[in-house]
C-alpha atoms as a PDB file:
ATOM      1  CA  MET A   1     -48.568  43.523 -29.556  1.00  0.00           C
ATOM      2  CA  ALA A   2     -46.171  45.545 -27.475  1.00  0.00           C
ATOM      3  CA  ASP A   3     -48.225  44.533 -24.421  1.00  0.00           C
ATOM      4  CA  LYS A   4     -47.886  40.879 -25.374  1.00  0.00           C
ATOM      5  CA  GLU A   5     -44.099  41.257 -25.717  1.00  0.00           C
ATOM      6  CA  LYS A   6     -43.909  43.008 -22.328  1.00  0.00           C
ATOM      7  CA  LYS A   7     -45.991  40.264 -20.793  1.00  0.00           C
ATOM      8  CA  LYS A   8     -43.793  37.604 -22.371  1.00  0.00           C
ATOM      9  CA  LYS A   9     -40.569  39.180 -21.110  1.00  0.00           C
ATOM     10  CA  PRO A  10     -41.648  39.279 -17.469  1.00  0.00           C
ATOM     11  CA  LYS A  11     -42.925  35.720 -17.772  1.00  0.00           C
ATOM     12  CA  LYS A  12     -39.605  34.579 -19.172  1.00  0.00           C
ATOM     13  CA  LYS A  13     -37.809  36.400 -16.397  1.00  0.00           C
ATOM     14  CA  GLU A  14     -40.145  34.932 -13.791  1.00  0.00           C
ATOM     15  CA  GLU A  15     -39.804  31.490 -15.349  1.00  0.00           C
ATOM     16  CA  ALA A  16     -36.034  31.777 -15.326  1.00  0.00           C
ATOM     17  CA  GLU A  17     -36.078  32.844 -11.681  1.00  0.00           C
ATOM     18  CA  ALA A  18     -38.679  30.238 -10.776  1.00  0.00           C
ATOM     19  CA  GLU A  19     -36.894  27.501 -12.664  1.00  0.00           C
ATOM     20  CA  PRO A  20     -34.255  26.714 -10.011  1.00  0.00           C
ATOM     21  CA  GLU A  21     -36.851  26.918  -7.235  1.00  0.00           C
ATOM     22  CA  VAL A  22     -39.489  24.826  -8.968  1.00  0.00           C
ATOM     23  CA  LYS A  23     -37.013  22.388 -10.417  1.00  0.00           C
ATOM     24  CA  SER A  24     -36.219  19.747  -7.947  1.00  0.00           C
ATOM     25  CA  PRO A  25     -33.727  18.469 -10.534  1.00  0.00           C
ATOM     26  CA  GLY A  26     -31.766  21.636  -9.652  1.00  0.00           C
ATOM     27  CA  ASP A  27     -31.477  20.229  -6.178  1.00  0.00           C
ATOM     28  CA  SER A  28     -30.523  16.864  -7.548  1.00  0.00           C
ATOM     29  CA  ASN A  29     -27.971  18.603  -9.792  1.00  0.00           C
ATOM     30  CA  ARG A  30     -26.487  20.161  -6.704  1.00  0.00           C
ATOM     31  CA  ALA A  31     -26.527  16.799  -4.964  1.00  0.00           C
ATOM     32  CA  SER A  32     -25.010  15.088  -7.955  1.00  0.00           C
ATOM     33  CA  SER A  33     -22.351  17.753  -8.221  1.00  0.00           C
ATOM     34  CA  ARG A  34     -21.639  17.201  -4.530  1.00  0.00           C
ATOM     35  CA  GLY A  35     -21.610  13.503  -5.223  1.00  0.00           C
ATOM     36  CA  SER A  36     -19.200  13.949  -8.099  1.00  0.00           C
ATOM     37  CA  LYS A  37     -16.955  16.054  -5.875  1.00  0.00           C
ATOM     38  CA  ARG A  38     -17.032  13.267  -3.342  1.00  0.00           C
ATOM     39  CA  ALA A  39     -16.231  10.778  -6.054  1.00  0.00           C
ATOM     40  CA  LYS A  40     -13.339  12.918  -7.224  1.00  0.00           C
ATOM     41  CA  ARG A  41     -12.083  13.265  -3.663  1.00  0.00           C
ATOM     42  CA  SER A  42     -12.307   9.573  -2.915  1.00  0.00           C
ATOM     43  CA  GLY A  43     -10.733   8.700  -6.239  1.00  0.00           C
ATOM     44  CA  SER A  44      -7.916  11.158  -5.741  1.00  0.00           C
ATOM     45  CA  ASN A  45      -7.222  10.474  -2.054  1.00  0.00           C
ATOM     46  CA  VAL A  46      -4.204   8.464  -3.052  1.00  0.00           C
ATOM     47  CA  PHE A  47      -2.910  11.456  -5.022  1.00  0.00           C
ATOM     48  CA  SER A  48      -3.317  13.748  -2.015  1.00  0.00           C
ATOM     49  CA  MET A  49      -0.916  11.560  -0.026  1.00  0.00           C
ATOM     50  CA  PHE A  50       1.966  12.634  -2.253  1.00  0.00           C
ATOM     51  CA  THR A  51       3.412  15.930  -3.441  1.00  0.00           C
ATOM     52  CA  GLN A  52       3.060  16.800  -7.107  1.00  0.00           C
ATOM     53  CA  LYS A  53       6.779  16.176  -7.495  1.00  0.00           C
ATOM     54  CA  GLN A  54       6.443  12.698  -5.993  1.00  0.00           C
ATOM     55  CA  VAL A  55       3.494  11.861  -8.252  1.00  0.00           C
ATOM     56  CA  ALA A  56       5.512  13.049 -11.267  1.00  0.00           C
ATOM     57  CA  GLU A  57       8.467  10.901 -10.185  1.00  0.00           C
ATOM     58  CA  PHE A  58       6.214   7.879  -9.650  1.00  0.00           C
ATOM     59  CA  LYS A  59       4.669   8.492 -13.077  1.00  0.00           C
ATOM     60  CA  GLU A  60       8.110   8.584 -14.670  1.00  0.00           C
ATOM     61  CA  GLY A  61       9.112   5.423 -12.836  1.00  0.00           C
ATOM     62  CA  PHE A  62       5.883   3.740 -13.888  1.00  0.00           C
ATOM     63  CA  SER A  63       6.461   4.640 -17.537  1.00  0.00           C
ATOM     64  CA  LEU A  64      10.001   3.243 -17.347  1.00  0.00           C
ATOM     65  CA  MET A  65       8.724   0.001 -15.835  1.00  0.00           C
ATOM     66  CA  ASP A  66       5.822  -0.302 -18.289  1.00  0.00           C
ATOM     67  CA  HIS A  67       8.119  -1.625 -20.999  1.00  0.00           C
ATOM     68  CA  ASP A  68       5.328  -2.664 -23.393  1.00  0.00           C
ATOM     69  CA  LYS A  69       3.565   0.710 -22.845  1.00  0.00           C
ATOM     70  CA  ASP A  70       0.110  -0.803 -22.326  1.00  0.00           C
ATOM     71  CA  GLY A  71      -0.594   1.174 -19.123  1.00  0.00           C
ATOM     72  CA  ILE A  72      -0.295  -1.907 -16.916  1.00  0.00           C
ATOM     73  CA  ILE A  73       2.814  -3.367 -15.308  1.00  0.00           C
ATOM     74  CA  GLY A  74       2.770  -7.085 -15.932  1.00  0.00           C
ATOM     75  CA  LYS A  75       5.180  -9.900 -15.193  1.00  0.00           C
ATOM     76  CA  SER A  76       7.186  -9.325 -18.378  1.00  0.00           C
ATOM     77  CA  ASP A  77       7.512  -5.610 -17.511  1.00  0.00           C
ATOM     78  CA  LEU A  78       8.797  -6.449 -14.026  1.00  0.00           C
ATOM     79  CA  ARG A  79      11.208  -9.041 -15.379  1.00  0.00           C
ATOM     80  CA  PHE A  80      12.566  -6.533 -17.922  1.00  0.00           C
ATOM     81  CA  THR A  81      12.984  -3.859 -15.226  1.00  0.00           C
ATOM     82  CA  PHE A  82      14.845  -6.197 -12.903  1.00  0.00           C
ATOM     83  CA  ASP A  83      17.021  -7.374 -15.789  1.00  0.00           C
ATOM     84  CA  GLN A  84      17.938  -3.759 -16.496  1.00  0.00           C
ATOM     85  CA  VAL A  85      19.266  -3.240 -12.964  1.00  0.00           C
ATOM     86  CA  GLY A  86      20.925  -6.656 -12.890  1.00  0.00           C
ATOM     87  CA  LYS A  87      18.629  -8.284 -10.335  1.00  0.00           C
ATOM     88  CA  ILE A  88      17.464 -11.801 -11.023  1.00  0.00           C
ATOM     89  CA  SER A  89      13.924 -12.493  -9.833  1.00  0.00           C
ATOM     90  CA  SER A  90      12.142 -15.813  -9.806  1.00  0.00           C
ATOM     91  CA  GLU A  91       8.655 -16.410 -11.179  1.00  0.00           C
ATOM     92  CA  LYS A  92       7.437 -16.756  -7.589  1.00  0.00           C
ATOM     93  CA  GLU A  93       8.864 -13.355  -6.578  1.00  0.00           C
ATOM     94  CA  LEU A  94       7.307 -11.676  -9.624  1.00  0.00           C
ATOM     95  CA  ASP A  95       3.945 -13.317  -8.904  1.00  0.00           C
ATOM     96  CA  GLU A  96       4.120 -12.234  -5.251  1.00  0.00           C
ATOM     97  CA  MET A  97       4.870  -8.645  -6.257  1.00  0.00           C
ATOM     98  CA  LEU A  98       1.989  -8.528  -8.699  1.00  0.00           C
ATOM     99  CA  GLY A  99      -0.247 -10.298  -6.155  1.00  0.00           C
ATOM    100  CA  GLU A 100       0.076  -7.326  -3.777  1.00  0.00           C
ATOM    101  CA  ALA A 101      -2.186  -5.303  -6.062  1.00  0.00           C
ATOM    102  CA  SER A 102      -5.925  -5.898  -5.896  1.00  0.00           C
ATOM    103  CA  GLY A 103      -6.194  -5.793  -9.682  1.00  0.00           C
ATOM    104  CA  PRO A 104      -4.153  -5.024 -12.775  1.00  0.00           C
ATOM    105  CA  LEU A 105      -1.182  -2.875 -11.775  1.00  0.00           C
ATOM    106  CA  ASN A 106      -1.973   0.440 -13.467  1.00  0.00           C
ATOM    107  CA  PHE A 107      -0.576   3.785 -12.256  1.00  0.00           C
ATOM    108  CA  THR A 108      -3.354   4.481  -9.729  1.00  0.00           C
ATOM    109  CA  GLN A 109      -3.023   0.968  -8.338  1.00  0.00           C
ATOM    110  CA  LEU A 110       0.741   1.492  -7.980  1.00  0.00           C
ATOM    111  CA  LEU A 111       0.147   4.728  -6.062  1.00  0.00           C
ATOM    112  CA  ASN A 112      -2.330   2.889  -3.826  1.00  0.00           C
ATOM    113  CA  LEU A 113       0.362   0.317  -3.047  1.00  0.00           C
ATOM    114  CA  PHE A 114       2.878   3.045  -2.227  1.00  0.00           C
ATOM    115  CA  GLY A 115       0.277   4.840  -0.113  1.00  0.00           C
ATOM    116  CA  THR A 116      -0.575   1.672   1.798  1.00  0.00           C
ATOM    117  CA  ARG A 117       3.082   0.936   2.423  1.00  0.00           C
ATOM    118  CA  MET A 118       3.749   4.494   3.574  1.00  0.00           C
ATOM    119  CA  SER A 119       0.750   4.486   5.934  1.00  0.00           C
ATOM    120  CA  ALA A 120       1.856   1.169   7.399  1.00  0.00           C
ATOM    121  CA  SER A 121       5.383   2.426   7.945  1.00  0.00           C
ATOM    122  CA  GLY A 122       4.301   5.838   9.218  1.00  0.00           C
ATOM    123  CA  GLY A 123       5.494   7.621   6.081  1.00  0.00           C
ATOM    124  CA  ALA A 124       8.713   7.400   4.177  1.00  0.00           C
ATOM    125  CA  ASP A 125      11.637   9.551   5.140  1.00  0.00           C
ATOM    126  CA  ASP A 126      13.677  10.819   2.174  1.00  0.00           C
ATOM    127  CA  ASP A 127      16.834   9.355   3.726  1.00  0.00           C
ATOM    128  CA  ASP A 128      15.145   5.966   4.036  1.00  0.00           C
ATOM    129  CA  VAL A 129      14.212   6.125   0.364  1.00  0.00           C
ATOM    130  CA  VAL A 130      17.840   6.856  -0.577  1.00  0.00           C
ATOM    131  CA  VAL A 131      19.144   4.037   1.624  1.00  0.00           C
ATOM    132  CA  LYS A 132      16.669   1.525   0.189  1.00  0.00           C
ATOM    133  CA  ALA A 133      17.390   2.660  -3.370  1.00  0.00           C
ATOM    134  CA  PHE A 134      21.121   2.077  -3.036  1.00  0.00           C
ATOM    135  CA  LYS A 135      20.693  -1.138  -1.070  1.00  0.00           C
ATOM    136  CA  SER A 136      18.596  -2.481  -3.938  1.00  0.00           C
ATOM    137  CA  PHE A 137      21.810  -2.406  -6.018  1.00  0.00           C
ATOM    138  CA  ASP A 138      23.774  -4.256  -3.314  1.00  0.00           C
ATOM    139  CA  ASP A 139      24.748  -7.717  -4.548  1.00  0.00           C
ATOM    140  CA  GLY A 140      24.428  -9.210  -1.062  1.00  0.00           C
ATOM    141  CA  THR A 141      28.093  -8.736  -0.156  1.00  0.00           C
ATOM    142  CA  GLY A 142      27.871  -5.098   0.889  1.00  0.00           C
ATOM    143  CA  LYS A 143      29.092  -4.040  -2.552  1.00  0.00           C
ATOM    144  CA  ILE A 144      27.462  -2.412  -5.568  1.00  0.00           C
ATOM    145  CA  ASN A 145      28.518  -3.183  -9.123  1.00  0.00           C
ATOM    146  CA  GLY A 146      29.788   0.207 -10.337  1.00  0.00           C
ATOM    147  CA  ASP A 147      28.918  -0.456 -13.982  1.00  0.00           C
ATOM    148  CA  LYS A 148      25.312  -1.399 -13.179  1.00  0.00           C
ATOM    149  CA  LEU A 149      24.899   1.647 -10.938  1.00  0.00           C
ATOM    150  CA  ARG A 150      26.394   3.865 -13.662  1.00  0.00           C
ATOM    151  CA  LYS A 151      23.946   2.466 -16.225  1.00  0.00           C
ATOM    152  CA  ALA A 152      20.982   3.000 -13.861  1.00  0.00           C
ATOM    153  CA  LEU A 153      22.042   6.568 -13.047  1.00  0.00           C
ATOM    154  CA  MET A 154      22.259   7.381 -16.741  1.00  0.00           C
ATOM    155  CA  THR A 155      19.042   5.556 -17.709  1.00  0.00           C
ATOM    156  CA  PHE A 156      16.372   6.007 -15.018  1.00  0.00           C
ATOM    157  CA  GLY A 157      14.718   8.955 -13.275  1.00  0.00           C
ATOM    158  CA  ASP A 158      16.597  12.256 -13.424  1.00  0.00           C
ATOM    159  CA  LYS A 159      19.209  10.951 -15.837  1.00  0.00           C
ATOM    160  CA  PHE A 160      22.804  11.838 -15.056  1.00  0.00           C
ATOM    161  CA  SER A 161      25.269  12.683 -17.805  1.00  0.00           C
ATOM    162  CA  SER A 162      28.442  10.655 -18.196  1.00  0.00           C
ATOM    163  CA  LYS A 163      30.433  13.616 -16.807  1.00  0.00           C
ATOM    164  CA  GLU A 164      28.181  13.864 -13.732  1.00  0.00           C
ATOM    165  CA  VAL A 165      28.597  10.161 -13.019  1.00  0.00           C
ATOM    166  CA  ASN A 166      32.380  10.400 -13.542  1.00  0.00           C
ATOM    167  CA  ASP A 167      32.540  13.377 -11.144  1.00  0.00           C
ATOM    168  CA  ALA A 168      30.567  11.436  -8.529  1.00  0.00           C
ATOM    169  CA  TYR A 169      32.678   8.304  -9.022  1.00  0.00           C
ATOM    170  CA  ASP A 170      35.835  10.396  -8.490  1.00  0.00           C
ATOM    171  CA  LEU A 171      34.593  10.988  -4.933  1.00  0.00           C
ATOM    172  CA  MET A 172      33.981   7.279  -4.233  1.00  0.00           C
ATOM    173  CA  TYR A 173      36.306   4.458  -3.429  1.00  0.00           C
ATOM    174  CA  ILE A 174      35.903   1.829  -6.135  1.00  0.00           C
ATOM    175  CA  ASP A 175      37.814  -1.437  -5.666  1.00  0.00           C
ATOM    176  CA  ASP A 176      39.864  -3.173  -8.371  1.00  0.00           C
ATOM    177  CA  LYS A 177      36.759  -5.186  -9.393  1.00  0.00           C
ATOM    178  CA  GLY A 178      34.761  -1.991 -10.058  1.00  0.00           C
ATOM    179  CA  ARG A 179      32.621  -2.406  -6.932  1.00  0.00           C
ATOM    180  CA  ILE A 180      31.524   0.310  -4.504  1.00  0.00           C
ATOM    181  CA  ASP A 181      31.068  -0.221  -0.765  1.00  0.00           C
ATOM    182  CA  THR A 182      27.325   0.225  -0.185  1.00  0.00           C
ATOM    183  CA  GLU A 183      27.535   1.691   3.340  1.00  0.00           C
ATOM    184  CA  SER A 184      30.290   4.155   2.368  1.00  0.00           C
ATOM    185  CA  LEU A 185      28.278   5.319  -0.616  1.00  0.00           C
ATOM    186  CA  ILE A 186      25.130   5.796   1.485  1.00  0.00           C
ATOM    187  CA  GLY A 187      27.147   7.641   4.139  1.00  0.00           C
ATOM    188  CA  MET A 188      28.626   9.919   1.483  1.00  0.00           C
ATOM    189  CA  ILE A 189      25.231  10.644  -0.113  1.00  0.00           C
ATOM    190  CA  LEU A 190      23.513  11.335   3.219  1.00  0.00           C
ATOM    191  CA  GLY A 191      26.456  13.267   4.623  1.00  0.00           C
ATOM    192  CA  THR A 192      26.990  10.822   7.483  1.00  0.00           C
ATOM    193  CA  GLY A 193      30.277   9.362   6.304  1.00  0.00           C
ATOM    194  CA  GLU A 194      33.527   9.729   8.230  1.00  0.00           C
ATOM    195  CA  ASP A 195      34.869  12.267   5.731  1.00  0.00           C
ATOM    196  CA  GLU A 196      31.862  14.490   6.296  1.00  0.00           C
ATOM    197  CA  GLU A 197      32.108  14.306  10.091  1.00  0.00           C
ATOM    198  CA  GLU A 198      35.791  15.338  10.212  1.00  0.00           C
END
């Protein structure tokens, strides 16, 4: 009986060693694991275009825009978002925006759109992002409604406190209608204004 047990143990050991060699499924497992790595890489290529901080910021922005919290930005979500920042958009504009995506506008699809835009423009410079962000508040006259900007600063992204906004507004020239000169504000933020140069 002891001989049988000894014989069984070596056989088990040999079988265990022989198993990966004999098993061609082992090779297919390796291939499938390589395939799954490829799938992960191709699926996450869009994520590799951005820093983790950028992805987190996009995710936060997406969740703010996804008003109905269904994981997809639809026309009503876009309309609500534009209403919040005081921009009126037509049905046609909303349809065109949503039409840029190849399918329902979920978070990955949104990142793909950003990635495509960045590749086409050669990448986005942080200063360009700031300029475009503030110009999106411009009412077309070179002015920004101070109240709408205040609300956005305290509502979206890295939310500012009322004190932080007041401190920033103390540094800006705000006309008697509560409007801020867009170019002066951008110059101040980027450090290219006249006050900074002197």
